[in-house]
């Protein structure tokens, strides 16, 4: 009886592993297999990935990340962090991927004070934070600080770094609608 239940539970575990790692292979270079040793190695790799701390940078444009925070991100990567960058899409998006960082596309219109655009920005940042659940969040530029800070409080991100660089459009531009916004900020 006991021998049968152990055998049955082991076969259940094996079938669960086979179903997960053969049907849900997300890595394009991995071939589908039901070899239990290969599957156990994939489980071990997943466990290693899960134990690494995640660091997420949120920045309005990739060029700013490359010029101001690339060295910090590379250092964090050397220290064992899994580095993610959430930013708008441009040709440098792929360049950031080339350093081994995982990139996430967010919606952000620089210099815009449109409520709908800002709501979409907040939602896109919130979705990235909720899906990724980083251990450390590093926010760059004014809009990213405002919306990323708000979203991180809702989701309860444990460590948040607010790095405000420059004054932004609100303080530099002389348009009338920015003058009113300056008072609020």
N, C-alpha and C. Protein backbone atom coordinates (compact mmCIF):
# COMPACT_ATOMS: atom_id res chain seq x y z
N UNK A 1 0.82 -1.19 0.00
CA UNK A 1 0.00 0.00 0.00
C UNK A 1 0.87 1.26 0.00
N UNK A 2 1.85 1.32 0.94
CA UNK A 2 2.72 2.49 1.04
C UNK A 2 3.56 2.64 -0.23
N UNK A 3 4.07 1.52 -0.72
CA UNK A 3 4.89 1.54 -1.92
C UNK A 3 4.09 2.08 -3.11
N UNK A 4 2.83 1.69 -3.19
CA UNK A 4 1.98 2.16 -4.27
C UNK A 4 1.74 3.67 -4.18
N UNK A 5 1.51 4.20 -2.97
CA UNK A 5 1.22 5.63 -2.81
C UNK A 5 2.46 6.49 -3.11
N UNK A 6 3.65 6.02 -2.74
CA UNK A 6 4.88 6.74 -3.05
C UNK A 6 5.09 6.76 -4.55
N UNK A 7 4.92 5.59 -5.18
CA UNK A 7 5.07 5.49 -6.62
C UNK A 7 4.06 6.39 -7.33
N UNK A 8 2.83 6.40 -6.83
CA UNK A 8 1.78 7.21 -7.41
C UNK A 8 2.09 8.70 -7.25
N UNK A 9 2.56 9.12 -6.07
CA UNK A 9 2.86 10.53 -5.85
C UNK A 9 4.06 10.98 -6.68
N UNK A 10 5.07 10.10 -6.82
CA UNK A 10 6.22 10.44 -7.66
C UNK A 10 5.82 10.59 -9.12
N UNK A 11 4.94 9.72 -9.57
CA UNK A 11 4.49 9.84 -10.96
C UNK A 11 3.64 11.10 -11.14
N UNK A 12 2.90 11.49 -10.11
CA UNK A 12 2.11 12.72 -10.17
C UNK A 12 3.03 13.93 -10.25
N UNK A 13 4.08 13.94 -9.42
CA UNK A 13 5.05 15.04 -9.45
C UNK A 13 5.72 15.10 -10.82
N UNK A 14 6.13 13.95 -11.33
CA UNK A 14 6.78 13.91 -12.64
C UNK A 14 5.84 14.42 -13.72
N UNK A 15 4.59 13.99 -13.68
CA UNK A 15 3.65 14.44 -14.71
C UNK A 15 3.38 15.94 -14.60
N UNK A 16 3.35 16.49 -13.37
CA UNK A 16 3.18 17.94 -13.20
C UNK A 16 4.36 18.70 -13.79
N UNK A 17 5.57 18.22 -13.52
CA UNK A 17 6.77 18.87 -14.05
C UNK A 17 6.77 18.79 -15.57
N UNK A 18 6.47 17.62 -16.10
CA UNK A 18 6.45 17.45 -17.56
C UNK A 18 5.43 18.38 -18.19
N UNK A 19 4.24 18.45 -17.60
CA UNK A 19 3.21 19.32 -18.20
C UNK A 19 3.61 20.79 -18.13
N UNK A 20 4.24 21.22 -17.04
CA UNK A 20 4.60 22.63 -16.92
C UNK A 20 5.76 23.00 -17.83
N UNK A 21 6.79 22.18 -17.85
CA UNK A 21 8.00 22.55 -18.57
C UNK A 21 8.03 22.07 -20.01
N UNK A 22 7.03 21.36 -20.47
CA UNK A 22 6.97 21.05 -21.89
C UNK A 22 5.90 21.88 -22.58
N UNK A 23 4.83 22.20 -21.89
CA UNK A 23 3.75 22.98 -22.51
C UNK A 23 3.95 24.47 -22.36
N UNK A 24 4.69 24.90 -21.33
CA UNK A 24 4.83 26.33 -21.08
C UNK A 24 6.26 26.81 -21.29
N UNK A 25 7.03 26.14 -22.13
CA UNK A 25 8.38 26.60 -22.41
C UNK A 25 8.30 27.97 -23.06
N UNK A 26 8.87 28.96 -22.41
CA UNK A 26 8.84 30.31 -22.95
C UNK A 26 10.16 30.68 -23.60
N UNK A 27 11.17 29.92 -23.33
CA UNK A 27 12.48 30.18 -23.92
C UNK A 27 12.50 29.60 -25.33
N UNK A 28 12.77 30.43 -26.34
CA UNK A 28 12.73 29.92 -27.71
C UNK A 28 13.81 28.91 -28.03
N UNK A 29 14.94 28.96 -27.30
CA UNK A 29 16.03 28.03 -27.61
C UNK A 29 15.87 26.68 -26.91
N UNK A 30 14.89 26.56 -26.02
CA UNK A 30 14.68 25.28 -25.34
C UNK A 30 13.77 24.40 -26.20
N UNK A 31 14.21 23.15 -26.37
CA UNK A 31 13.37 22.22 -27.11
C UNK A 31 12.45 21.50 -26.14
N UNK A 32 11.30 21.14 -26.61
CA UNK A 32 10.34 20.43 -25.78
C UNK A 32 10.84 19.01 -25.56
N UNK A 33 10.80 18.60 -24.30
CA UNK A 33 11.30 17.27 -23.96
C UNK A 33 10.52 16.73 -22.77
N UNK A 34 10.54 15.42 -22.63
CA UNK A 34 9.96 14.84 -21.43
C UNK A 34 11.03 14.06 -20.65
N UNK A 35 12.32 14.32 -20.97
CA UNK A 35 13.43 13.73 -20.23
C UNK A 35 13.45 14.36 -18.84
N UNK A 36 13.28 13.56 -17.81
CA UNK A 36 13.11 14.06 -16.46
C UNK A 36 14.34 14.82 -15.97
N UNK A 37 15.56 14.42 -16.37
CA UNK A 37 16.77 15.13 -15.94
C UNK A 37 16.82 16.54 -16.51
N UNK A 38 16.47 16.69 -17.76
CA UNK A 38 16.43 18.02 -18.39
C UNK A 38 15.38 18.88 -17.70
N UNK A 39 14.25 18.28 -17.41
CA UNK A 39 13.17 19.02 -16.76
C UNK A 39 13.56 19.44 -15.35
N UNK A 40 14.23 18.59 -14.60
CA UNK A 40 14.68 18.95 -13.26
C UNK A 40 15.70 20.08 -13.32
N UNK A 41 16.57 20.08 -14.34
CA UNK A 41 17.52 21.19 -14.50
C UNK A 41 16.79 22.49 -14.76
N UNK A 42 15.72 22.43 -15.53
CA UNK A 42 14.92 23.63 -15.78
C UNK A 42 14.25 24.12 -14.50
N UNK A 43 13.82 23.19 -13.67
CA UNK A 43 13.22 23.57 -12.38
C UNK A 43 14.27 24.28 -11.52
N UNK A 44 15.49 23.73 -11.48
CA UNK A 44 16.57 24.35 -10.70
C UNK A 44 16.88 25.76 -11.21
N UNK A 45 16.93 25.93 -12.53
CA UNK A 45 17.17 27.26 -13.10
C UNK A 45 16.07 28.23 -12.70
N UNK A 46 14.82 27.78 -12.74
CA UNK A 46 13.70 28.63 -12.33
C UNK A 46 13.83 29.03 -10.87
N UNK A 47 14.23 28.10 -10.04
CA UNK A 47 14.39 28.40 -8.62
C UNK A 47 15.50 29.42 -8.40
N UNK A 48 16.60 29.33 -9.16
CA UNK A 48 17.67 30.31 -9.05
C UNK A 48 17.19 31.68 -9.48
N UNK A 49 16.41 31.73 -10.57
CA UNK A 49 15.88 33.01 -11.04
C UNK A 49 14.95 33.64 -10.01
N UNK A 50 14.17 32.80 -9.35
CA UNK A 50 13.21 33.31 -8.37
C UNK A 50 13.89 33.86 -7.13
N UNK A 51 15.08 33.37 -6.78
CA UNK A 51 15.75 33.83 -5.57
C UNK A 51 16.54 35.11 -5.81
N UNK A 52 16.83 35.46 -7.05
CA UNK A 52 17.55 36.70 -7.33
C UNK A 52 16.65 37.89 -7.04
N UNK A 53 17.23 38.92 -6.43
CA UNK A 53 16.46 40.13 -6.17
C UNK A 53 16.27 40.91 -7.47
N UNK A 54 15.09 41.50 -7.59
CA UNK A 54 14.77 42.25 -8.81
C UNK A 54 14.89 43.75 -8.55
N UNK A 55 15.58 44.42 -9.45
CA UNK A 55 15.73 45.87 -9.42
C UNK A 55 15.08 46.42 -10.68
N UNK A 56 14.16 47.35 -10.51
CA UNK A 56 13.46 47.95 -11.64
C UNK A 56 13.75 49.44 -11.70
N UNK A 57 14.25 49.89 -12.85
CA UNK A 57 14.41 51.32 -13.13
C UNK A 57 13.21 51.74 -13.99
N UNK A 58 12.56 52.84 -13.62
CA UNK A 58 11.51 53.40 -14.47
C UNK A 58 11.98 54.77 -14.90
N UNK A 59 12.07 54.97 -16.21
CA UNK A 59 12.61 56.21 -16.78
C UNK A 59 11.80 56.56 -18.03
N UNK A 60 11.71 57.87 -18.32
CA UNK A 60 10.86 58.28 -19.43
C UNK A 60 11.40 57.92 -20.80
N UNK A 61 12.71 58.01 -21.03
CA UNK A 61 13.28 57.64 -22.33
C UNK A 61 14.55 56.80 -22.13
N UNK A 62 14.79 55.84 -23.00
CA UNK A 62 15.96 54.96 -22.88
C UNK A 62 17.29 55.72 -22.91
N UNK A 63 17.35 56.79 -23.69
CA UNK A 63 18.59 57.55 -23.81
C UNK A 63 19.03 58.12 -22.45
N UNK A 64 18.06 58.55 -21.66
CA UNK A 64 18.38 59.08 -20.34
C UNK A 64 18.92 57.98 -19.43
N UNK A 65 18.35 56.80 -19.51
CA UNK A 65 18.85 55.68 -18.71
C UNK A 65 20.28 55.35 -19.10
N UNK A 66 20.55 55.30 -20.39
CA UNK A 66 21.90 54.95 -20.87
C UNK A 66 22.92 55.99 -20.42
N UNK A 67 22.55 57.26 -20.48
CA UNK A 67 23.52 58.30 -20.13
C UNK A 67 23.68 58.51 -18.62
N UNK A 68 22.64 58.19 -17.82
CA UNK A 68 22.71 58.52 -16.41
C UNK A 68 22.72 57.33 -15.44
N UNK A 69 22.16 56.20 -15.81
CA UNK A 69 22.03 55.10 -14.85
C UNK A 69 22.58 53.76 -15.34
N UNK A 70 23.17 53.72 -16.50
CA UNK A 70 23.68 52.47 -17.05
C UNK A 70 24.76 51.88 -16.14
N UNK A 71 25.69 52.69 -15.67
CA UNK A 71 26.77 52.17 -14.83
C UNK A 71 26.23 51.61 -13.52
N UNK A 72 25.24 52.26 -12.94
CA UNK A 72 24.63 51.77 -11.70
C UNK A 72 23.92 50.43 -11.94
N UNK A 73 23.23 50.33 -13.07
CA UNK A 73 22.53 49.08 -13.40
C UNK A 73 23.51 47.94 -13.65
N UNK A 74 24.62 48.23 -14.32
CA UNK A 74 25.64 47.20 -14.56
C UNK A 74 26.27 46.73 -13.24
N UNK A 75 26.49 47.65 -12.32
CA UNK A 75 27.03 47.30 -11.02
C UNK A 75 26.04 46.41 -10.25
N UNK A 76 24.77 46.77 -10.29
CA UNK A 76 23.74 45.95 -9.63
C UNK A 76 23.68 44.56 -10.23
N UNK A 77 23.84 44.48 -11.54
CA UNK A 77 23.83 43.18 -12.22
C UNK A 77 25.02 42.34 -11.76
N UNK A 78 26.17 42.97 -11.61
CA UNK A 78 27.36 42.26 -11.11
C UNK A 78 27.17 41.78 -9.68
N UNK A 79 26.40 42.52 -8.90
CA UNK A 79 26.13 42.15 -7.50
C UNK A 79 25.04 41.08 -7.39
N UNK A 80 24.49 40.64 -8.52
CA UNK A 80 23.54 39.54 -8.49
C UNK A 80 22.09 39.93 -8.66
N UNK A 81 21.81 41.20 -8.89
CA UNK A 81 20.43 41.62 -9.10
C UNK A 81 19.97 41.28 -10.51
N UNK A 82 18.69 40.99 -10.63
CA UNK A 82 18.06 40.84 -11.93
C UNK A 82 17.53 42.24 -12.28
N UNK A 83 18.15 42.88 -13.27
CA UNK A 83 17.86 44.28 -13.58
C UNK A 83 16.81 44.38 -14.68
N UNK A 84 15.78 45.19 -14.41
CA UNK A 84 14.71 45.47 -15.36
C UNK A 84 14.65 46.97 -15.59
N UNK A 85 14.28 47.36 -16.80
CA UNK A 85 14.13 48.77 -17.14
C UNK A 85 12.77 48.95 -17.81
N UNK A 86 11.95 49.84 -17.23
CA UNK A 86 10.66 50.17 -17.84
C UNK A 86 10.78 51.57 -18.44
N UNK A 87 10.53 51.67 -19.73
CA UNK A 87 10.71 52.94 -20.43
C UNK A 87 9.87 52.95 -21.71
N UNK A 88 9.83 54.09 -22.37
CA UNK A 88 9.14 54.17 -23.64
C UNK A 88 10.00 53.50 -24.71
N UNK A 89 9.39 53.16 -25.83
CA UNK A 89 10.11 52.45 -26.87
C UNK A 89 10.83 53.42 -27.80
N UNK A 90 12.09 53.14 -28.08
CA UNK A 90 12.86 53.86 -29.10
C UNK A 90 13.94 52.89 -29.59
N UNK A 91 14.80 53.38 -30.46
CA UNK A 91 15.85 52.50 -31.01
C UNK A 91 16.81 52.02 -29.92
N UNK A 92 16.95 52.77 -28.84
CA UNK A 92 17.85 52.38 -27.75
C UNK A 92 17.25 51.36 -26.80
N UNK A 93 15.99 51.03 -26.98
CA UNK A 93 15.35 49.98 -26.20
C UNK A 93 16.10 48.67 -26.38
N UNK A 94 16.46 48.37 -27.62
CA UNK A 94 17.20 47.14 -27.93
C UNK A 94 18.62 47.20 -27.38
N UNK A 95 19.19 48.39 -27.34
CA UNK A 95 20.54 48.55 -26.81
C UNK A 95 20.57 48.19 -25.32
N UNK A 96 19.53 48.60 -24.59
CA UNK A 96 19.43 48.26 -23.17
C UNK A 96 19.29 46.74 -23.01
N UNK A 97 18.50 46.11 -23.87
CA UNK A 97 18.37 44.64 -23.86
C UNK A 97 19.73 43.98 -24.08
N UNK A 98 20.57 44.59 -24.89
CA UNK A 98 21.89 44.04 -25.20
C UNK A 98 22.80 43.94 -24.00
N UNK A 99 22.56 44.72 -22.97
CA UNK A 99 23.35 44.65 -21.75
C UNK A 99 22.88 43.54 -20.81
N UNK A 100 21.85 42.84 -21.21
CA UNK A 100 21.34 41.75 -20.39
C UNK A 100 20.23 42.17 -19.45
N UNK A 101 19.71 43.38 -19.61
CA UNK A 101 18.60 43.84 -18.79
C UNK A 101 17.29 43.47 -19.48
N UNK A 102 16.26 43.27 -18.70
CA UNK A 102 14.94 42.98 -19.26
C UNK A 102 14.18 44.29 -19.37
N UNK A 103 13.69 44.57 -20.56
CA UNK A 103 13.00 45.83 -20.81
C UNK A 103 11.50 45.65 -20.83
N UNK A 104 10.80 46.64 -20.30
CA UNK A 104 9.35 46.66 -20.27
C UNK A 104 8.89 47.98 -20.86
N UNK A 105 7.97 47.91 -21.80
CA UNK A 105 7.49 49.12 -22.46
C UNK A 105 6.39 49.77 -21.62
N UNK A 106 6.53 51.08 -21.41
CA UNK A 106 5.48 51.84 -20.73
C UNK A 106 5.03 52.97 -21.65
N UNK A 107 3.85 53.48 -21.38
CA UNK A 107 3.32 54.61 -22.13
C UNK A 107 3.64 55.87 -21.34
N UNK A 108 4.29 56.84 -21.98
CA UNK A 108 4.59 58.10 -21.31
C UNK A 108 4.78 59.19 -22.35
N UNK A 109 4.04 60.27 -22.23
CA UNK A 109 4.19 61.43 -23.11
C UNK A 109 4.89 62.53 -22.33
N UNK A 110 6.11 62.84 -22.73
CA UNK A 110 6.88 63.88 -22.04
C UNK A 110 6.26 65.25 -22.30
N UNK A 111 6.15 66.04 -21.25
CA UNK A 111 5.67 67.40 -21.39
C UNK A 111 4.17 67.54 -21.53
N UNK A 112 3.46 66.44 -21.50
CA UNK A 112 2.01 66.48 -21.66
C UNK A 112 1.34 66.63 -20.30
N UNK A 113 0.30 67.44 -20.26
CA UNK A 113 -0.51 67.57 -19.04
C UNK A 113 -1.93 67.08 -19.28
N UNK A 114 -2.10 66.26 -20.28
CA UNK A 114 -3.41 65.71 -20.61
C UNK A 114 -3.77 64.63 -19.60
N UNK A 115 -4.94 64.76 -18.99
CA UNK A 115 -5.38 63.83 -17.96
C UNK A 115 -5.44 62.39 -18.47
N UNK A 116 -5.94 62.19 -19.68
CA UNK A 116 -6.06 60.84 -20.25
C UNK A 116 -4.68 60.23 -20.45
N UNK A 117 -3.74 61.01 -21.01
CA UNK A 117 -2.37 60.51 -21.18
C UNK A 117 -1.74 60.14 -19.85
N UNK A 118 -1.96 60.98 -18.85
CA UNK A 118 -1.38 60.71 -17.53
C UNK A 118 -2.02 59.49 -16.87
N UNK A 119 -3.29 59.29 -17.09
CA UNK A 119 -3.97 58.10 -16.56
C UNK A 119 -3.43 56.83 -17.22
N UNK A 120 -3.23 56.88 -18.52
CA UNK A 120 -2.67 55.73 -19.25
C UNK A 120 -1.24 55.46 -18.77
N UNK A 121 -0.48 56.52 -18.52
CA UNK A 121 0.89 56.38 -17.99
C UNK A 121 0.86 55.67 -16.64
N UNK A 122 -0.01 56.14 -15.75
CA UNK A 122 -0.12 55.52 -14.43
C UNK A 122 -0.48 54.04 -14.54
N UNK A 123 -1.46 53.73 -15.37
CA UNK A 123 -1.91 52.33 -15.52
C UNK A 123 -0.78 51.46 -16.08
N UNK A 124 -0.03 51.98 -17.06
CA UNK A 124 1.05 51.16 -17.64
C UNK A 124 2.16 50.92 -16.61
N UNK A 125 2.48 51.91 -15.79
CA UNK A 125 3.49 51.72 -14.74
C UNK A 125 2.96 50.76 -13.68
N UNK A 126 1.71 50.92 -13.31
CA UNK A 126 1.10 50.04 -12.30
C UNK A 126 1.13 48.58 -12.76
N UNK A 127 0.81 48.33 -14.03
CA UNK A 127 0.81 46.96 -14.55
C UNK A 127 2.21 46.35 -14.50
N UNK A 128 3.22 47.11 -14.87
CA UNK A 128 4.59 46.59 -14.83
C UNK A 128 4.98 46.25 -13.39
N UNK A 129 4.67 47.15 -12.45
CA UNK A 129 5.00 46.90 -11.05
C UNK A 129 4.26 45.69 -10.50
N UNK A 130 2.99 45.58 -10.84
CA UNK A 130 2.19 44.47 -10.32
C UNK A 130 2.67 43.13 -10.88
N UNK A 131 3.01 43.09 -12.16
CA UNK A 131 3.48 41.85 -12.78
C UNK A 131 4.88 41.47 -12.29
N UNK A 132 5.75 42.45 -12.14
CA UNK A 132 7.15 42.18 -11.82
C UNK A 132 7.39 42.05 -10.31
N UNK A 133 6.73 42.84 -9.51
CA UNK A 133 6.92 42.87 -8.04
C UNK A 133 8.41 42.97 -7.68
N UNK A 134 9.04 44.09 -8.03
CA UNK A 134 10.48 44.22 -7.76
C UNK A 134 10.77 44.37 -6.28
N UNK A 135 11.98 43.98 -5.87
CA UNK A 135 12.44 44.19 -4.50
C UNK A 135 12.87 45.63 -4.29
N UNK A 136 13.46 46.21 -5.34
CA UNK A 136 13.91 47.60 -5.29
C UNK A 136 13.40 48.30 -6.55
N UNK A 137 12.85 49.49 -6.35
CA UNK A 137 12.33 50.31 -7.46
C UNK A 137 13.10 51.61 -7.48
N UNK A 138 13.68 51.94 -8.63
CA UNK A 138 14.45 53.18 -8.79
C UNK A 138 13.72 54.05 -9.82
N UNK A 139 13.19 55.17 -9.37
CA UNK A 139 12.39 56.05 -10.23
C UNK A 139 13.23 57.24 -10.67
N UNK A 140 13.20 57.53 -11.96
CA UNK A 140 13.94 58.65 -12.54
C UNK A 140 12.97 59.58 -13.25
N UNK A 141 13.24 60.83 -13.23
CA UNK A 141 12.45 61.90 -13.85
C UNK A 141 11.12 62.14 -13.12
N UNK A 142 10.57 63.31 -13.33
CA UNK A 142 9.43 63.79 -12.54
C UNK A 142 8.18 62.91 -12.67
N UNK A 143 7.73 62.66 -13.90
CA UNK A 143 6.50 61.86 -14.07
C UNK A 143 6.65 60.45 -13.52
N UNK A 144 7.80 59.87 -13.76
CA UNK A 144 8.03 58.51 -13.26
C UNK A 144 8.01 58.49 -11.74
N UNK A 145 8.54 59.54 -11.10
CA UNK A 145 8.52 59.64 -9.65
C UNK A 145 7.10 59.77 -9.12
N UNK A 146 6.31 60.58 -9.77
CA UNK A 146 4.93 60.81 -9.30
C UNK A 146 4.09 59.55 -9.46
N UNK A 147 4.01 59.05 -10.69
CA UNK A 147 3.13 57.90 -10.95
C UNK A 147 3.72 56.59 -10.42
N UNK A 148 5.04 56.42 -10.53
CA UNK A 148 5.68 55.23 -9.98
C UNK A 148 5.62 55.21 -8.46
N UNK A 149 5.76 56.38 -7.84
CA UNK A 149 5.66 56.47 -6.39
C UNK A 149 4.27 56.12 -5.89
N UNK A 150 3.26 56.63 -6.58
CA UNK A 150 1.87 56.32 -6.22
C UNK A 150 1.57 54.83 -6.40
N UNK A 151 1.97 54.28 -7.53
CA UNK A 151 1.72 52.86 -7.80
C UNK A 151 2.48 51.97 -6.82
N UNK A 152 3.71 52.37 -6.45
CA UNK A 152 4.48 51.55 -5.52
C UNK A 152 3.86 51.53 -4.13
N UNK A 153 3.20 52.60 -3.75
CA UNK A 153 2.49 52.62 -2.46
C UNK A 153 1.27 51.71 -2.48
N UNK A 154 0.58 51.72 -3.59
CA UNK A 154 -0.62 50.86 -3.71
C UNK A 154 -0.22 49.39 -3.66
N UNK A 155 0.87 49.04 -4.36
CA UNK A 155 1.32 47.65 -4.45
C UNK A 155 2.19 47.25 -3.25
N UNK A 156 2.70 48.19 -2.51
CA UNK A 156 3.59 47.96 -1.35
C UNK A 156 4.96 47.42 -1.77
N UNK A 157 5.63 48.16 -2.62
CA UNK A 157 7.01 47.82 -2.98
C UNK A 157 7.89 48.16 -1.78
N UNK A 158 8.74 47.23 -1.31
CA UNK A 158 9.48 47.45 -0.06
C UNK A 158 10.49 48.60 -0.09
N UNK A 159 11.23 48.74 -1.19
CA UNK A 159 12.28 49.77 -1.25
C UNK A 159 12.12 50.58 -2.53
N UNK A 160 11.98 51.90 -2.36
CA UNK A 160 11.80 52.79 -3.51
C UNK A 160 12.81 53.92 -3.43
N UNK A 161 13.53 54.14 -4.53
CA UNK A 161 14.49 55.23 -4.63
C UNK A 161 13.90 56.27 -5.57
N UNK A 162 13.73 57.51 -5.06
CA UNK A 162 13.23 58.61 -5.89
C UNK A 162 14.42 59.47 -6.28
N UNK A 163 14.74 59.51 -7.56
CA UNK A 163 15.85 60.32 -8.05
C UNK A 163 15.27 61.36 -9.01
N UNK A 164 15.19 62.58 -8.54
CA UNK A 164 14.63 63.65 -9.37
C UNK A 164 15.80 64.39 -9.99
N UNK A 165 15.82 64.40 -11.30
CA UNK A 165 16.90 65.05 -12.02
C UNK A 165 16.32 66.22 -12.81
N UNK A 166 16.81 67.39 -12.57
CA UNK A 166 16.33 68.57 -13.28
C UNK A 166 14.97 69.01 -12.79
N UNK A 167 14.46 70.06 -13.39
CA UNK A 167 13.18 70.63 -12.97
C UNK A 167 12.01 70.12 -13.80
N UNK A 168 12.27 69.72 -15.02
CA UNK A 168 11.19 69.24 -15.88
C UNK A 168 10.49 70.38 -16.59
N UNK A 169 9.56 70.02 -17.47
CA UNK A 169 8.85 71.01 -18.29
C UNK A 169 8.06 72.01 -17.44
N UNK A 170 7.53 71.56 -16.33
CA UNK A 170 6.68 72.43 -15.51
C UNK A 170 7.42 73.70 -15.08
N UNK A 171 8.71 73.58 -14.77
CA UNK A 171 9.44 74.74 -14.28
C UNK A 171 10.24 75.45 -15.35
N UNK A 172 10.46 74.83 -16.49
CA UNK A 172 11.27 75.43 -17.54
C UNK A 172 10.41 76.19 -18.54
N UNK A 173 9.28 75.60 -18.93
CA UNK A 173 8.41 76.20 -19.95
C UNK A 173 7.61 77.35 -19.36
N UNK A 174 7.28 78.33 -20.20
CA UNK A 174 6.56 79.52 -19.71
C UNK A 174 5.10 79.55 -20.14
N UNK A 175 4.55 78.44 -20.61
CA UNK A 175 3.15 78.40 -21.01
C UNK A 175 2.25 78.64 -19.80
N UNK A 176 1.08 79.20 -20.06
CA UNK A 176 0.15 79.52 -18.97
C UNK A 176 -0.29 78.29 -18.19
N UNK A 177 -0.60 77.18 -18.89
CA UNK A 177 -1.08 76.00 -18.18
C UNK A 177 0.00 75.39 -17.29
N UNK A 178 1.28 75.62 -17.59
CA UNK A 178 2.35 75.15 -16.71
C UNK A 178 2.46 76.02 -15.47
N UNK A 179 2.15 77.31 -15.61
CA UNK A 179 2.23 78.21 -14.45
C UNK A 179 1.28 77.76 -13.36
N UNK A 180 0.07 77.34 -13.73
CA UNK A 180 -0.88 76.84 -12.74
C UNK A 180 -0.40 75.53 -12.11
N UNK A 181 0.21 74.69 -12.92
CA UNK A 181 0.70 73.39 -12.42
C UNK A 181 1.85 73.57 -11.44
N UNK A 182 2.68 74.62 -11.64
CA UNK A 182 3.79 74.88 -10.73
C UNK A 182 3.29 75.11 -9.32
N UNK A 183 2.18 75.79 -9.20
CA UNK A 183 1.63 76.06 -7.86
C UNK A 183 1.23 74.77 -7.17
N UNK A 184 0.67 73.83 -7.93
CA UNK A 184 0.23 72.56 -7.37
C UNK A 184 1.43 71.73 -6.90
N UNK A 185 2.46 71.69 -7.76
CA UNK A 185 3.64 70.89 -7.44
C UNK A 185 4.40 71.53 -6.30
